[in-house]
Amino acid sequence: MNDEEHTMSERTPSAFNDVTETDVRQAFESEDYVAGDNIVTTVELVLRLGKPLLVEGEPGAGKTELAKVLAGGLDAELVRLQCYEGLTTESALYEWNYTKQLLSMQTAEGTADADESMFSEEYLLERPLLRSLRGDSPRVLLIDEVDRADEEFEALLLEILSDFQVSVPELGTVSATTPPVVVITSNRTRGLSDALKRRCLFLHVAPPSFEKERAILERKVPELDGAVAAELCAIAGRLREEPLLKPPGAAETIDWARAVAALRHESENGTLSHEEIQNTLGCLLKEIKDVERVDDDLLATLCDAAETARAEAD
């Protein structure tokens, strides 16, 4: 057994190691999240084994939402670290409150408290990674868009993901008594290291099928007529077949459905008009070239797809 396997075999057990498939499905149901069998099984294993979950997929596919739903469904605190280029250890892990330290030193100068350590808990500013390791209550740590951070940042994650501990030179080693549920998302803008992948279970979130997206709208936008929801899903699906710069994800379809519902009165359940689609495309498409691609011919094709979906829904 190598050092990594030895460390992982002795790590603190997961707080959810006795979770069942039914528990996971109920957690998703409670948060109105439509989860396929592959998501349910993968999340169950993540919880029972205490392994981090690496979720990849296109923007808007629901990767971040998965972590939020887990936190809500498990009644756990969500701790989020949004990654970006140039992310530093101080921003991700911890830093010292230098202003408070300086004021304390000036106040204590010449007194009996002058020898008090300036590197104690009183002056420690927790950042997401350290916060997720401290405390006895369950937490979900969301490391969002890890591919936006520099490759060097992954090295910092390895110690945390291997044995849920981190070294703070001034205080010693901080180890989690209740390891967090870790969800790492990636938009695949760059490749991730093998070392990071090896520590995680993997889940790819693909654009939703017509049936799944319609089920999502039924839960997220219940005020929208079912036939209209079918039209929206058909149009979103047809647009994903186009060579767009940013194809619409489930998040954009939900926004579009809410916009259409907001603009309609309760009695308006008729088919989507050309003007209605054109005037609300900004909810679905976020690049000017993509919007301009929807010319009269493509608009007619989208309307045909919507008409077919409505007929099948009726």
Protein backbone atom coordinates (compact mmCIF):
# COMPACT_ATOMS: atom_id res chain seq x y z
CA MET A 1 0.00 0.00 0.00
CA ASN A 2 1.49 3.36 -1.00
CA ASP A 3 1.44 6.47 1.20
CA GLU A 4 -1.58 7.94 -0.57
CA GLU A 5 -3.66 4.76 -0.22
CA HIS A 6 -2.60 4.41 3.43
CA THR A 7 -3.65 7.97 4.22
CA MET A 8 -6.98 7.63 2.44
CA SER A 9 -7.78 4.31 4.14
CA GLU A 10 -7.40 5.93 7.57
CA ARG A 11 -9.20 9.18 6.86
CA THR A 12 -12.08 10.26 9.06
CA PRO A 13 -15.27 8.43 7.99
CA SER A 14 -17.87 10.36 6.04
CA ALA A 15 -20.78 11.79 8.02
CA PHE A 16 -23.03 10.19 5.40
CA ASN A 17 -21.48 6.73 5.11
CA ASP A 18 -24.82 5.05 5.87
CA VAL A 19 -26.82 7.01 3.30
CA THR A 20 -29.05 5.01 0.97
CA GLU A 21 -30.25 5.51 -2.59
CA THR A 22 -33.66 6.42 -1.20
CA ASP A 23 -32.10 9.10 0.99
CA VAL A 24 -30.33 10.61 -2.01
CA ARG A 25 -33.48 10.61 -4.14
CA GLN A 26 -35.45 12.22 -1.33
CA ALA A 27 -32.77 14.90 -0.96
CA PHE A 28 -33.08 15.73 -4.65
CA GLU A 29 -36.88 15.62 -4.50
CA SER A 30 -36.95 18.03 -1.57
CA GLU A 31 -35.01 20.56 -3.65
CA ASP A 32 -37.00 19.98 -6.89
CA TYR A 33 -33.89 18.73 -8.67
CA VAL A 34 -34.44 16.28 -11.53
CA ALA A 35 -31.66 13.70 -11.19
CA GLY A 36 -31.07 10.72 -13.46
CA ASP A 37 -29.99 7.34 -12.13
CA ASN A 38 -26.34 8.05 -12.95
CA ILE A 39 -26.37 11.20 -10.82
CA VAL A 40 -28.16 9.50 -7.95
CA THR A 41 -25.74 6.55 -7.90
CA THR A 42 -22.63 8.74 -8.19
CA VAL A 43 -23.77 11.05 -5.39
CA GLU A 44 -24.62 8.08 -3.19
CA LEU A 45 -21.08 6.74 -3.65
CA VAL A 46 -19.56 10.17 -3.00
CA LEU A 47 -21.45 10.40 0.29
CA ARG A 48 -20.79 6.85 1.44
CA LEU A 49 -17.12 6.74 0.47
CA GLY A 50 -16.27 10.29 1.46
CA LYS A 51 -14.73 10.98 -1.94
CA PRO A 52 -14.77 14.38 -3.69
CA LEU A 53 -16.99 14.70 -6.75
CA LEU A 54 -15.60 16.22 -9.95
CA VAL A 55 -18.43 17.46 -12.17
CA GLU A 56 -17.68 18.48 -15.75
CA GLY A 57 -19.97 19.83 -18.43
CA GLU A 58 -20.91 22.84 -20.47
CA PRO A 59 -21.76 26.12 -18.69
CA GLY A 60 -25.40 26.19 -17.64
CA ALA A 61 -25.70 22.41 -17.37
CA GLY A 62 -26.46 22.55 -13.64
CA LYS A 63 -23.08 21.70 -12.10
CA THR A 64 -23.12 24.43 -9.48
CA GLU A 65 -26.80 23.81 -8.81
CA LEU A 66 -25.97 20.21 -7.91
CA ALA A 67 -23.80 21.34 -4.99
CA LYS A 68 -26.44 23.81 -3.80
CA VAL A 69 -29.11 21.13 -3.97
CA LEU A 70 -26.94 18.70 -1.99
CA ALA A 71 -26.42 21.28 0.74
CA GLY A 72 -30.14 21.97 0.94
CA GLY A 73 -31.17 18.33 0.73
CA LEU A 74 -28.66 17.22 3.35
CA ASP A 75 -29.37 20.19 5.63
CA ALA A 76 -25.70 21.13 5.43
CA GLU A 77 -23.99 24.51 5.19
CA LEU A 78 -22.76 25.40 1.71
CA VAL A 79 -19.21 26.80 1.61
CA ARG A 80 -18.35 28.11 -1.85
CA LEU A 81 -14.96 28.90 -3.34
CA GLN A 82 -15.27 30.62 -6.71
CA CYS A 83 -12.07 30.02 -8.65
CA TYR A 84 -10.44 32.55 -10.96
CA GLU A 85 -7.09 33.19 -12.59
CA GLY A 86 -4.54 34.26 -10.01
CA LEU A 87 -6.41 32.77 -7.03
CA THR A 88 -4.01 32.83 -4.08
CA THR A 89 -3.62 30.67 -1.01
CA GLU A 90 -4.63 33.62 1.17
CA SER A 91 -7.92 34.02 -0.69
CA ALA A 92 -8.71 30.30 -0.72
CA LEU A 93 -7.39 29.07 2.63
CA TYR A 94 -6.73 31.72 5.26
CA GLU A 95 -4.99 35.00 5.97
CA TRP A 96 -4.12 37.07 9.01
CA ASN A 97 -5.94 40.24 9.99
CA TYR A 98 -2.89 42.48 9.77
CA THR A 99 -4.80 45.64 10.64
CA LYS A 100 -6.14 44.12 13.84
CA GLN A 101 -2.68 42.72 14.67
CA LEU A 102 -1.07 46.14 14.25
CA LEU A 103 -3.67 47.90 16.40
CA SER A 104 -3.34 45.21 19.06
CA MET A 105 0.45 45.59 19.10
CA GLN A 106 0.19 49.36 19.45
CA THR A 107 -2.33 49.06 22.27
CA ALA A 108 -0.36 46.38 24.13
CA GLU A 109 3.04 48.05 23.75
CA GLY A 110 4.69 48.37 27.13
CA THR A 111 2.03 46.27 28.92
CA ALA A 112 1.92 42.71 30.20
CA ASP A 113 0.01 41.67 27.06
CA ALA A 114 2.81 42.76 24.75
CA ASP A 115 4.15 39.22 24.46
CA GLU A 116 0.80 37.79 23.38
CA SER A 117 1.09 35.97 20.04
CA MET A 118 -0.12 37.93 17.07
CA PHE A 119 -0.78 34.65 15.27
CA SER A 120 -3.61 33.23 17.31
CA GLU A 121 -7.23 32.38 16.51
CA GLU A 122 -8.25 35.93 17.36
CA TYR A 123 -6.48 37.25 14.28
CA LEU A 124 -7.20 34.41 11.87
CA LEU A 125 -9.45 35.12 8.88
CA GLU A 126 -10.95 31.88 7.59
CA ARG A 127 -11.39 31.52 3.86
CA PRO A 128 -13.56 28.81 2.22
CA LEU A 129 -11.11 25.90 2.28
CA LEU A 130 -10.20 26.29 5.94
CA ARG A 131 -13.79 27.05 6.93
CA SER A 132 -14.97 23.80 5.36
CA LEU A 133 -12.57 21.81 7.58
CA ARG A 134 -13.53 23.40 10.90
CA GLY A 135 -16.69 22.79 12.86
CA ASP A 136 -18.71 19.71 13.77
CA SER A 137 -21.73 20.19 11.52
CA PRO A 138 -21.85 18.73 7.97
CA ARG A 139 -20.77 21.06 5.20
CA VAL A 140 -20.74 20.97 1.42
CA LEU A 141 -17.62 22.54 -0.06
CA LEU A 142 -18.18 23.80 -3.59
CA ILE A 143 -14.96 24.49 -5.50
CA ASP A 144 -16.53 26.16 -8.51
CA GLU A 145 -14.87 26.33 -11.94
CA VAL A 146 -11.53 24.95 -10.79
CA ASP A 147 -10.27 25.09 -14.38
CA ARG A 148 -10.23 28.90 -14.15
CA ALA A 149 -7.56 28.80 -11.43
CA ASP A 150 -3.88 28.31 -12.16
CA GLU A 151 -2.47 24.81 -12.23
CA GLU A 152 -0.42 25.59 -9.11
CA PHE A 153 -3.65 25.96 -7.17
CA GLU A 154 -4.39 22.27 -7.69
CA ALA A 155 -1.35 21.38 -5.57
CA LEU A 156 -2.99 23.11 -2.61
CA LEU A 157 -6.10 21.02 -3.09
CA LEU A 158 -4.29 17.69 -3.08
CA GLU A 159 -3.50 17.69 0.66
CA ILE A 160 -7.04 18.74 1.52
CA LEU A 161 -8.70 16.20 -0.77
CA SER A 162 -6.43 13.35 0.32
CA ASP A 163 -6.93 13.49 4.07
CA PHE A 164 -9.04 16.58 4.76
CA GLN A 165 -6.35 18.45 6.61
CA VAL A 166 -4.11 21.42 5.96
CA SER A 167 -1.01 22.86 7.59
CA VAL A 168 -1.14 26.35 9.08
CA PRO A 169 2.51 27.06 10.07
CA GLU A 170 1.61 29.36 12.93
CA LEU A 171 -1.08 27.08 14.39
CA GLY A 172 -0.15 23.57 13.25
CA THR A 173 -2.20 21.02 11.33
CA VAL A 174 -5.94 21.58 11.04
CA SER A 175 -7.83 18.31 10.51
CA ALA A 176 -11.55 17.97 9.84
CA THR A 177 -13.52 16.13 12.52
CA THR A 178 -16.46 16.04 10.10
CA PRO A 179 -15.10 15.95 6.55
CA PRO A 180 -17.03 18.13 4.09
CA VAL A 181 -18.81 16.80 1.05
CA VAL A 182 -16.65 18.21 -1.75
CA VAL A 183 -18.05 19.13 -5.17
CA ILE A 184 -15.56 20.42 -7.76
CA THR A 185 -16.90 21.82 -11.02
CA SER A 186 -15.07 22.35 -14.30
CA ASN A 187 -16.08 23.83 -17.64
CA ARG A 188 -13.17 22.02 -19.30
CA THR A 189 -11.40 25.20 -20.41
CA ARG A 190 -8.15 23.39 -19.58
CA GLY A 191 -7.14 19.89 -18.59
CA LEU A 192 -6.92 19.01 -14.91
CA SER A 193 -4.04 17.08 -13.37
CA ASP A 194 -4.19 13.31 -13.06
CA ALA A 195 -3.46 13.66 -9.34
CA LEU A 196 -6.59 15.74 -8.83
CA LYS A 197 -8.75 13.45 -10.95
CA ARG A 198 -7.49 10.37 -9.12
CA ARG A 199 -8.80 11.67 -5.82
CA CYS A 200 -12.32 12.23 -7.15
CA LEU A 201 -15.31 10.38 -8.48
CA PHE A 202 -16.26 11.76 -11.89
CA LEU A 203 -19.60 12.89 -13.27
CA HIS A 204 -20.27 14.43 -16.68
CA VAL A 205 -23.41 16.53 -16.87
CA ALA A 206 -24.70 16.62 -20.44
CA PRO A 207 -27.34 18.99 -21.83
CA PRO A 208 -30.75 17.67 -20.74
CA SER A 209 -32.93 15.60 -23.03
CA PHE A 210 -36.30 16.99 -24.08
CA GLU A 211 -38.11 14.89 -21.47
CA LYS A 212 -35.75 15.83 -18.64
CA GLU A 213 -35.80 19.53 -19.50
CA ARG A 214 -39.58 19.53 -19.59
CA ALA A 215 -39.63 17.84 -16.17
CA ILE A 216 -37.25 20.53 -14.90
CA LEU A 217 -39.56 23.30 -16.11
CA GLU A 218 -42.57 21.62 -14.52
CA ARG A 219 -40.79 21.82 -11.16
CA LYS A 220 -39.00 25.15 -11.50
CA VAL A 221 -41.74 27.09 -13.34
CA PRO A 222 -45.01 25.38 -12.34
CA GLU A 223 -47.07 28.40 -13.37
CA LEU A 224 -46.17 27.85 -17.03
CA ASP A 225 -48.62 25.89 -19.16
CA GLY A 226 -47.35 22.39 -19.96
CA ALA A 227 -47.79 22.77 -23.73
CA VAL A 228 -45.85 26.05 -23.70
CA ALA A 229 -43.11 24.38 -21.65
CA ALA A 230 -42.89 21.68 -24.32
CA GLU A 231 -42.49 24.35 -26.98
CA LEU A 232 -39.67 26.04 -25.08
CA CYS A 233 -37.82 22.76 -24.59
CA ALA A 234 -38.16 21.88 -28.27
CA ILE A 235 -36.75 25.26 -29.31
CA ALA A 236 -33.86 25.07 -26.82
CA GLY A 237 -33.04 21.56 -28.03
CA ARG A 238 -33.13 22.63 -31.67
CA LEU A 239 -30.83 25.58 -30.96
CA ARG A 240 -28.30 23.21 -29.39
CA GLU A 241 -27.97 21.57 -32.78
CA GLU A 242 -26.71 24.85 -34.25
CA PRO A 243 -22.99 25.78 -34.19
CA LEU A 244 -23.48 28.45 -31.53
CA LEU A 245 -20.74 30.15 -29.55
CA LYS A 246 -22.66 29.42 -26.36
CA PRO A 247 -25.47 26.89 -26.70
CA PRO A 248 -28.24 27.38 -24.13
CA GLY A 249 -28.02 25.24 -21.02
CA ALA A 250 -30.77 24.20 -18.65
CA ALA A 251 -30.21 27.39 -16.63
CA GLU A 252 -30.99 29.54 -19.68
CA THR A 253 -34.10 27.51 -20.50
CA ILE A 254 -35.37 28.03 -16.95
CA ASP A 255 -34.75 31.78 -17.23
CA TRP A 256 -36.56 31.84 -20.57
CA ALA A 257 -39.52 29.93 -19.18
CA ARG A 258 -39.81 32.33 -16.25
CA ALA A 259 -39.66 35.29 -18.63
CA VAL A 260 -42.39 33.89 -20.88
CA ALA A 261 -44.54 33.09 -17.85
CA ALA A 262 -44.04 36.60 -16.48
CA LEU A 263 -45.10 38.24 -19.76
CA ARG A 264 -48.22 36.14 -20.17
CA HIS A 265 -51.50 36.38 -18.33
CA GLU A 266 -52.93 33.27 -16.68
CA SER A 267 -55.37 32.73 -19.55
CA GLU A 268 -52.67 33.00 -22.25
CA ASN A 269 -51.65 29.46 -23.07
CA GLY A 270 -51.52 29.70 -26.84
CA THR A 271 -48.58 28.75 -29.00
CA LEU A 272 -45.44 30.87 -28.98
CA SER A 273 -45.47 33.55 -31.67
CA HIS A 274 -42.54 34.65 -33.84
CA GLU A 275 -42.48 37.99 -32.03
CA GLU A 276 -42.60 36.36 -28.60
CA ILE A 277 -39.59 34.21 -29.43
CA GLN A 278 -37.60 37.06 -30.97
CA ASN A 279 -38.30 39.48 -28.13
CA THR A 280 -37.18 37.05 -25.43
CA LEU A 281 -34.15 35.46 -27.11
CA GLY A 282 -31.89 37.42 -24.79
CA CYS A 283 -32.93 35.07 -22.00
CA LEU A 284 -31.69 32.08 -23.98
CA LEU A 285 -28.75 33.29 -26.07
CA LYS A 286 -25.97 35.41 -24.56
CA GLU A 287 -23.75 36.12 -27.59
CA ILE A 288 -24.66 38.69 -30.25
CA LYS A 289 -23.49 36.39 -33.04
CA ASP A 290 -25.77 33.66 -31.73
CA VAL A 291 -28.74 36.04 -31.62
CA GLU A 292 -28.01 37.25 -35.16
CA ARG A 293 -27.89 33.64 -36.33
CA VAL A 294 -31.60 33.33 -35.63
CA ASP A 295 -32.72 34.68 -39.01
CA ASP A 296 -36.15 34.23 -40.59
CA ASP A 297 -35.33 30.73 -41.84
CA LEU A 298 -34.05 29.47 -38.50
CA LEU A 299 -36.92 31.18 -36.70
CA ALA A 300 -39.38 29.31 -38.93
CA THR A 301 -37.57 26.05 -38.12
CA LEU A 302 -37.79 26.79 -34.42
CA CYS A 303 -41.51 27.50 -34.69
CA ASP A 304 -42.01 24.20 -36.54
CA ALA A 305 -40.21 22.36 -33.76
CA ALA A 306 -42.37 24.12 -31.18
CA GLU A 307 -45.56 23.28 -33.08
CA THR A 308 -44.62 19.61 -33.25
CA ALA A 309 -43.84 19.52 -29.52
CA ARG A 310 -47.14 21.20 -28.66
CA ALA A 311 -49.08 18.72 -30.78
CA GLU A 312 -47.42 15.81 -29.00
CA ALA A 313 -47.98 17.43 -25.63
CA ASP A 314 -51.67 17.96 -26.34
